[in-house]
Amino acid sequence: MTIKKITIGDAQFQFEASIANDGGFIISLTEYREDDQHDAVETYVGISEAKQMIDVLQEAIKFSENQPPV
């Protein structure tokens, strides 16, 4: 299981990916706000979908790195 917490402004995001029994992944993203409320999304993805997600993130990172600073 991998957990990564990212703090942006007044919100804190927790990303978690754990391995499912069949070798796929359970992916969850939770937002914790200062008002003690939180929103969570959880989904199952297979290995091929996980690879597609990684490809999308790599493309987004490449695009972002090539943008002029705002």
PDB file of N, CA and C in Angstrom:
ATOM      1  N   MET A   1       0.846  -1.171   0.000  1.00  0.00           N
ATOM      2  CA  MET A   1       0.000   0.000   0.000  1.00  0.00           C
ATOM      3  C   MET A   1       0.893   1.236   0.000  1.00  0.00           C
ATOM      4  N   THR A   2       0.510   2.212  -0.808  1.00  0.00           N
ATOM      5  CA  THR A   2       1.258   3.460  -0.884  1.00  0.00           C
ATOM      6  C   THR A   2       0.336   4.602  -0.506  1.00  0.00           C
ATOM      7  N   ILE A   3       0.777   5.463   0.359  1.00  0.00           N
ATOM      8  CA  ILE A   3      -0.008   6.628   0.745  1.00  0.00           C
ATOM      9  C   ILE A   3       0.840   7.870   0.525  1.00  0.00           C
ATOM     10  N   LYS A   4       0.256   8.846  -0.121  1.00  0.00           N
ATOM     11  CA  LYS A   4       0.939  10.108  -0.347  1.00  0.00           C
ATOM     12  C   LYS A   4      -0.022  11.224   0.020  1.00  0.00           C
ATOM     13  N   LYS A   5       0.395  12.112   0.903  1.00  0.00           N
ATOM     14  CA  LYS A   5      -0.437  13.251   1.287  1.00  0.00           C
ATOM     15  C   LYS A   5       0.145  14.508   0.657  1.00  0.00           C
ATOM     16  N   ILE A   6      -0.737  15.289   0.074  1.00  0.00           N
ATOM     17  CA  ILE A   6      -0.338  16.531  -0.574  1.00  0.00           C
ATOM     18  C   ILE A   6      -1.175  17.648   0.028  1.00  0.00           C
ATOM     19  N   THR A   7      -0.548  18.721   0.484  1.00  0.00           N
ATOM     20  CA  THR A   7      -1.280  19.854   1.030  1.00  0.00           C
ATOM     21  C   THR A   7      -1.264  20.985   0.009  1.00  0.00           C
ATOM     22  N   ILE A   8      -2.467  21.453  -0.345  1.00  0.00           N
ATOM     23  CA  ILE A   8      -2.605  22.561  -1.288  1.00  0.00           C
ATOM     24  C   ILE A   8      -3.550  23.574  -0.657  1.00  0.00           C
ATOM     25  N   GLY A   9      -3.051  24.770  -0.388  1.00  0.00           N
ATOM     26  CA  GLY A   9      -3.893  25.799   0.228  1.00  0.00           C
ATOM     27  C   GLY A   9      -4.425  25.320   1.570  1.00  0.00           C
ATOM     28  N   ASP A  10      -5.759  25.408   1.739  1.00  0.00           N
ATOM     29  CA  ASP A  10      -6.345  24.995   3.007  1.00  0.00           C
ATOM     30  C   ASP A  10      -6.914  23.573   2.938  1.00  0.00           C
ATOM     31  N   ALA A  11      -6.576  22.835   1.898  1.00  0.00           N
ATOM     32  CA  ALA A  11      -7.077  21.464   1.763  1.00  0.00           C
ATOM     33  C   ALA A  11      -5.904  20.486   1.812  1.00  0.00           C
ATOM     34  N   GLN A  12      -6.179  19.300   2.269  1.00  0.00           N
ATOM     35  CA  GLN A  12      -5.165  18.257   2.282  1.00  0.00           C
ATOM     36  C   GLN A  12      -5.738  17.064   1.532  1.00  0.00           C
ATOM     37  N   PHE A  13      -4.973  16.557   0.579  1.00  0.00           N
ATOM     38  CA  PHE A  13      -5.401  15.436  -0.227  1.00  0.00           C
ATOM     39  C   PHE A  13      -4.593  14.209   0.142  1.00  0.00           C
ATOM     40  N   GLN A  14      -5.258  13.092   0.263  1.00  0.00           N
ATOM     41  CA  GLN A  14      -4.581  11.829   0.525  1.00  0.00           C
ATOM     42  C   GLN A  14      -4.876  10.894  -0.643  1.00  0.00           C
ATOM     43  N   PHE A  15      -3.832  10.407  -1.262  1.00  0.00           N
ATOM     44  CA  PHE A  15      -3.948   9.453  -2.357  1.00  0.00           C
ATOM     45  C   PHE A  15      -3.474   8.103  -1.848  1.00  0.00           C
ATOM     46  N   GLU A  16      -4.243   7.070  -2.129  1.00  0.00           N
ATOM     47  CA  GLU A  16      -3.874   5.738  -1.669  1.00  0.00           C
ATOM     48  C   GLU A  16      -4.140   4.733  -2.780  1.00  0.00           C
ATOM     49  N   ALA A  17      -3.191   3.865  -3.008  1.00  0.00           N
ATOM     50  CA  ALA A  17      -3.365   2.762  -3.955  1.00  0.00           C
ATOM     51  C   ALA A  17      -2.972   1.484  -3.239  1.00  0.00           C
ATOM     52  N   SER A  18      -3.888   0.530  -3.223  1.00  0.00           N
ATOM     53  CA  SER A  18      -3.571  -0.750  -2.603  1.00  0.00           C
ATOM     54  C   SER A  18      -3.847  -1.871  -3.602  1.00  0.00           C
ATOM     55  N   ILE A  19      -3.152  -2.965  -3.436  1.00  0.00           N
ATOM     56  CA  ILE A  19      -3.277  -4.084  -4.356  1.00  0.00           C
ATOM     57  C   ILE A  19      -4.485  -4.928  -3.966  1.00  0.00           C
ATOM     58  N   ALA A  20      -5.354  -5.184  -4.941  1.00  0.00           N
ATOM     59  CA  ALA A  20      -6.539  -6.013  -4.729  1.00  0.00           C
ATOM     60  C   ALA A  20      -6.146  -7.492  -4.813  1.00  0.00           C
ATOM     61  N   ASN A  21      -7.044  -8.353  -4.376  1.00  0.00           N
ATOM     62  CA  ASN A  21      -6.770  -9.794  -4.363  1.00  0.00           C
ATOM     63  C   ASN A  21      -6.448 -10.364  -5.738  1.00  0.00           C
ATOM     64  N   ASP A  22      -7.011  -9.775  -6.787  1.00  0.00           N
ATOM     65  CA  ASP A  22      -6.783 -10.307  -8.138  1.00  0.00           C
ATOM     66  C   ASP A  22      -5.617  -9.640  -8.850  1.00  0.00           C
ATOM     67  N   GLY A  23      -4.847  -8.806  -8.160  1.00  0.00           N
ATOM     68  CA  GLY A  23      -3.682  -8.157  -8.755  1.00  0.00           C
ATOM     69  C   GLY A  23      -3.960  -6.767  -9.285  1.00  0.00           C
ATOM     70  N   GLY A  24      -5.231  -6.365  -9.323  1.00  0.00           N
ATOM     71  CA  GLY A  24      -5.559  -4.998  -9.716  1.00  0.00           C
ATOM     72  C   GLY A  24      -5.295  -4.059  -8.552  1.00  0.00           C
ATOM     73  N   PHE A  25      -5.855  -2.878  -8.615  1.00  0.00           N
ATOM     74  CA  PHE A  25      -5.595  -1.877  -7.595  1.00  0.00           C
ATOM     75  C   PHE A  25      -6.889  -1.232  -7.124  1.00  0.00           C
ATOM     76  N   ILE A  26      -6.940  -0.877  -5.869  1.00  0.00           N
ATOM     77  CA  ILE A  26      -8.002  -0.047  -5.328  1.00  0.00           C
ATOM     78  C   ILE A  26      -7.384   1.326  -5.120  1.00  0.00           C
ATOM     79  N   ILE A  27      -7.920   2.304  -5.815  1.00  0.00           N
ATOM     80  CA  ILE A  27      -7.382   3.659  -5.804  1.00  0.00           C
ATOM     81  C   ILE A  27      -8.378   4.554  -5.072  1.00  0.00           C
ATOM     82  N   SER A  28      -7.889   5.346  -4.135  1.00  0.00           N
ATOM     83  CA  SER A  28      -8.777   6.294  -3.461  1.00  0.00           C
ATOM     84  C   SER A  28      -8.112   7.654  -3.346  1.00  0.00           C
ATOM     85  N   LEU A  29      -8.941   8.680  -3.427  1.00  0.00           N
ATOM     86  CA  LEU A  29      -8.501  10.061  -3.253  1.00  0.00           C
ATOM     87  C   LEU A  29      -9.457  10.700  -2.269  1.00  0.00           C
ATOM     88  N   THR A  30      -8.913  11.221  -1.180  1.00  0.00           N
ATOM     89  CA  THR A  30      -9.718  11.849  -0.142  1.00  0.00           C
ATOM     90  C   THR A  30      -9.244  13.277   0.059  1.00  0.00           C
ATOM     91  N   GLU A  31     -10.203  14.202   0.134  1.00  0.00           N
ATOM     92  CA  GLU A  31      -9.897  15.605   0.425  1.00  0.00           C
ATOM     93  C   GLU A  31     -10.364  15.903   1.836  1.00  0.00           C
ATOM     94  N   TYR A  32      -9.447  16.385   2.673  1.00  0.00           N
ATOM     95  CA  TYR A  32      -9.773  16.815   4.036  1.00  0.00           C
ATOM     96  C   TYR A  32      -9.726  18.332   4.059  1.00  0.00           C
ATOM     97  N   ARG A  33     -10.802  18.957   4.539  1.00  0.00           N
ATOM     98  CA  ARG A  33     -10.879  20.410   4.586  1.00  0.00           C
ATOM     99  C   ARG A  33     -10.783  20.896   6.024  1.00  0.00           C
ATOM    100  N   GLU A  34     -10.524  22.187   6.173  1.00  0.00           N
ATOM    101  CA  GLU A  34     -10.385  22.769   7.511  1.00  0.00           C
ATOM    102  C   GLU A  34     -11.660  22.660   8.329  1.00  0.00           C
ATOM    103  N   ASP A  35     -12.817  22.542   7.668  1.00  0.00           N
ATOM    104  CA  ASP A  35     -14.084  22.451   8.408  1.00  0.00           C
ATOM    105  C   ASP A  35     -14.370  21.019   8.883  1.00  0.00           C
ATOM    106  N   ASP A  36     -13.348  20.172   8.902  1.00  0.00           N
ATOM    107  CA  ASP A  36     -13.429  18.780   9.365  1.00  0.00           C
ATOM    108  C   ASP A  36     -14.319  17.894   8.500  1.00  0.00           C
ATOM    109  N   GLN A  37     -14.680  18.368   7.326  1.00  0.00           N
ATOM    110  CA  GLN A  37     -15.434  17.552   6.373  1.00  0.00           C
ATOM    111  C   GLN A  37     -14.447  16.919   5.398  1.00  0.00           C
ATOM    112  N   HIS A  38     -14.849  15.832   4.798  1.00  0.00           N
ATOM    113  CA  HIS A  38     -14.001  15.246   3.772  1.00  0.00           C
ATOM    114  C   HIS A  38     -14.842  14.576   2.705  1.00  0.00           C
ATOM    115  N   ASP A  39     -14.276  14.517   1.518  1.00  0.00           N
ATOM    116  CA  ASP A  39     -14.892  13.861   0.379  1.00  0.00           C
ATOM    117  C   ASP A  39     -13.938  12.772  -0.077  1.00  0.00           C
ATOM    118  N   ALA A  40     -14.480  11.607  -0.379  1.00  0.00           N
ATOM    119  CA  ALA A  40     -13.638  10.492  -0.798  1.00  0.00           C
ATOM    120  C   ALA A  40     -14.208   9.842  -2.052  1.00  0.00           C
ATOM    121  N   VAL A  41     -13.304   9.433  -2.918  1.00  0.00           N
ATOM    122  CA  VAL A  41     -13.654   8.680  -4.119  1.00  0.00           C
ATOM    123  C   VAL A  41     -12.771   7.448  -4.122  1.00  0.00           C
ATOM    124  N   GLU A  42     -13.383   6.286  -4.338  1.00  0.00           N
ATOM    125  CA  GLU A  42     -12.616   5.043  -4.376  1.00  0.00           C
ATOM    126  C   GLU A  42     -13.087   4.229  -5.570  1.00  0.00           C
ATOM    127  N   THR A  43     -12.156   3.628  -6.269  1.00  0.00           N
ATOM    128  CA  THR A  43     -12.502   2.818  -7.427  1.00  0.00           C
ATOM    129  C   THR A  43     -11.499   1.691  -7.601  1.00  0.00           C
ATOM    130  N   TYR A  44     -11.924   0.670  -8.294  1.00  0.00           N
ATOM    131  CA  TYR A  44     -11.042  -0.455  -8.634  1.00  0.00           C
ATOM    132  C   TYR A  44     -10.556  -0.244 -10.060  1.00  0.00           C
ATOM    133  N   VAL A  45      -9.278  -0.478 -10.285  1.00  0.00           N
ATOM    134  CA  VAL A  45      -8.732  -0.456 -11.644  1.00  0.00           C
ATOM    135  C   VAL A  45      -7.852  -1.686 -11.835  1.00  0.00           C
ATOM    136  N   GLY A  46      -7.916  -2.245 -13.024  1.00  0.00           N
ATOM    137  CA  GLY A  46      -7.046  -3.346 -13.370  1.00  0.00           C
ATOM    138  C   GLY A  46      -5.666  -2.821 -13.737  1.00  0.00           C
ATOM    139  N   ILE A  47      -4.763  -3.728 -14.005  1.00  0.00           N
ATOM    140  CA  ILE A  47      -3.382  -3.333 -14.328  1.00  0.00           C
ATOM    141  C   ILE A  47      -3.340  -2.484 -15.601  1.00  0.00           C
ATOM    142  N   SER A  48      -4.096  -2.858 -16.629  1.00  0.00           N
ATOM    143  CA  SER A  48      -4.057  -2.085 -17.878  1.00  0.00           C
ATOM    144  C   SER A  48      -4.603  -0.673 -17.665  1.00  0.00           C
ATOM    145  N   GLU A  49      -5.666  -0.541 -16.854  1.00  0.00           N
ATOM    146  CA  GLU A  49      -6.199   0.788 -16.559  1.00  0.00           C
ATOM    147  C   GLU A  49      -5.209   1.609 -15.746  1.00  0.00           C
ATOM    148  N   ALA A  50      -4.521   0.959 -14.805  1.00  0.00           N
ATOM    149  CA  ALA A  50      -3.504   1.660 -14.003  1.00  0.00           C
ATOM    150  C   ALA A  50      -2.383   2.171 -14.903  1.00  0.00           C
ATOM    151  N   LYS A  51      -1.974   1.361 -15.866  1.00  0.00           N
ATOM    152  CA  LYS A  51      -0.929   1.796 -16.803  1.00  0.00           C
ATOM    153  C   LYS A  51      -1.406   2.981 -17.627  1.00  0.00           C
ATOM    154  N   GLN A  52      -2.685   2.961 -18.033  1.00  0.00           N
ATOM    155  CA  GLN A  52      -3.240   4.086 -18.786  1.00  0.00           C
ATOM    156  C   GLN A  52      -3.256   5.349 -17.930  1.00  0.00           C
ATOM    157  N   MET A  53      -3.586   5.209 -16.649  1.00  0.00           N
ATOM    158  CA  MET A  53      -3.588   6.359 -15.743  1.00  0.00           C
ATOM    159  C   MET A  53      -2.181   6.945 -15.629  1.00  0.00           C
ATOM    160  N   ILE A  54      -1.188   6.080 -15.519  1.00  0.00           N
ATOM    161  CA  ILE A  54       0.204   6.539 -15.437  1.00  0.00           C
ATOM    162  C   ILE A  54       0.594   7.268 -16.713  1.00  0.00           C
ATOM    163  N   ASP A  55       0.204   6.719 -17.877  1.00  0.00           N
ATOM    164  CA  ASP A  55       0.509   7.366 -19.151  1.00  0.00           C
ATOM    165  C   ASP A  55      -0.096   8.765 -19.221  1.00  0.00           C
ATOM    166  N   VAL A  56      -1.351   8.897 -18.777  1.00  0.00           N
ATOM    167  CA  VAL A  56      -2.019  10.200 -18.792  1.00  0.00           C
ATOM    168  C   VAL A  56      -1.285  11.183 -17.884  1.00  0.00           C
ATOM    169  N   LEU A  57      -0.910  10.729 -16.680  1.00  0.00           N
ATOM    170  CA  LEU A  57      -0.197  11.611 -15.750  1.00  0.00           C
ATOM    171  C   LEU A  57       1.170  12.016 -16.312  1.00  0.00           C
ATOM    172  N   GLN A  58       1.876  11.091 -16.957  1.00  0.00           N
ATOM    173  CA  GLN A  58       3.176  11.429 -17.535  1.00  0.00           C
ATOM    174  C   GLN A  58       3.030  12.472 -18.640  1.00  0.00           C
ATOM    175  N   GLU A  59       1.995  12.326 -19.472  1.00  0.00           N
ATOM    176  CA  GLU A  59       1.748  13.313 -20.518  1.00  0.00           C
ATOM    177  C   GLU A  59       1.399  14.670 -19.925  1.00  0.00           C
ATOM    178  N   ALA A  60       0.581  14.679 -18.876  1.00  0.00           N
ATOM    179  CA  ALA A  60       0.209  15.938 -18.223  1.00  0.00           C
ATOM    180  C   ALA A  60       1.431  16.615 -17.619  1.00  0.00           C
ATOM    181  N   ILE A  61       2.311  15.822 -17.019  1.00  0.00           N
ATOM    182  CA  ILE A  61       3.538  16.385 -16.431  1.00  0.00           C
ATOM    183  C   ILE A  61       4.414  16.988 -17.512  1.00  0.00           C
ATOM    184  N   LYS A  62       4.608  16.276 -18.624  1.00  0.00           N
ATOM    185  CA  LYS A  62       5.416  16.798 -19.730  1.00  0.00           C
ATOM    186  C   LYS A  62       4.834  18.109 -20.241  1.00  0.00           C
ATOM    187  N   PHE A  63       3.521  18.144 -20.416  1.00  0.00           N
ATOM    188  CA  PHE A  63       2.857  19.356 -20.904  1.00  0.00           C
ATOM    189  C   PHE A  63       3.066  20.504 -19.924  1.00  0.00           C
ATOM    190  N   SER A  64       2.863  20.231 -18.638  1.00  0.00           N
ATOM    191  CA  SER A  64       2.991  21.248 -17.608  1.00  0.00           C
ATOM    192  C   SER A  64       4.407  21.792 -17.518  1.00  0.00           C
ATOM    193  N   GLU A  65       5.389  20.924 -17.626  1.00  0.00           N
ATOM    194  CA  GLU A  65       6.795  21.343 -17.536  1.00  0.00           C
ATOM    195  C   GLU A  65       7.194  22.257 -18.697  1.00  0.00           C
ATOM    196  N   ASN A  66       6.485  22.167 -19.816  1.00  0.00           N
ATOM    197  CA  ASN A  66       6.807  22.967 -20.992  1.00  0.00           C
ATOM    198  C   ASN A  66       6.015  24.263 -21.067  1.00  0.00           C
ATOM    199  N   GLN A  67       5.206  24.554 -20.061  1.00  0.00           N
ATOM    200  CA  GLN A  67       4.418  25.778 -20.041  1.00  0.00           C
ATOM    201  C   GLN A  67       5.218  26.898 -19.385  1.00  0.00           C
ATOM    202  N   PRO A  68       5.051  28.121 -19.895  1.00  0.00           N
ATOM    203  CA  PRO A  68       5.736  29.250 -19.242  1.00  0.00           C
ATOM    204  C   PRO A  68       5.138  29.489 -17.853  1.00  0.00           C
ATOM    205  N   PRO A  69       5.957  29.988 -16.911  1.00  0.00           N
ATOM    206  CA  PRO A  69       5.457  30.269 -15.563  1.00  0.00           C
ATOM    207  C   PRO A  69       4.337  31.312 -15.616  1.00  0.00           C
ATOM    208  N   VAL A  70       3.378  31.155 -14.715  1.00  0.00           N
ATOM    209  CA  VAL A  70       2.244  32.101 -14.664  1.00  0.00           C
ATOM    210  C   VAL A  70       2.550  33.195 -13.681  1.00  0.00           C
TER     211      VAL A  70
END
